[in-house]
Amino acid sequence: MAKKDFKKGIDGLLQSSISEKKEPNKETKALDLGSIKATYYLNIQLLNQIKAIAFYERKTIGSVINEALKKYASKYKNMDEALKLFK
């Protein structure tokens, strides 16, 4: 731990503890992985099921939703055609 400089008063003490490097939060980590924040309306019962799965599996709600959407998209037969029309 660095030696404290008491000449700057209480502000000097607070500033040194604030400037320490912090761990990136989950949102920052998600953005590093190419994610985007989106808002959608969900069925309440379905959302509660997703929350329960996330709690039981010790995962985030977002990771459970991403897994489910990846699985759904991988089974979609007309993905190439859908992507062409989307672009």
Foldseek 3Di string as FASTA:
>chain_A
DDDQDPPVPPVSVVVVVVPDDDDDDPVVVCVVVVDDDDDDDDDPVVLVVLVVVCVVVVHDSVVSVVVVVVVVQVPDPCNVVVVVVVD
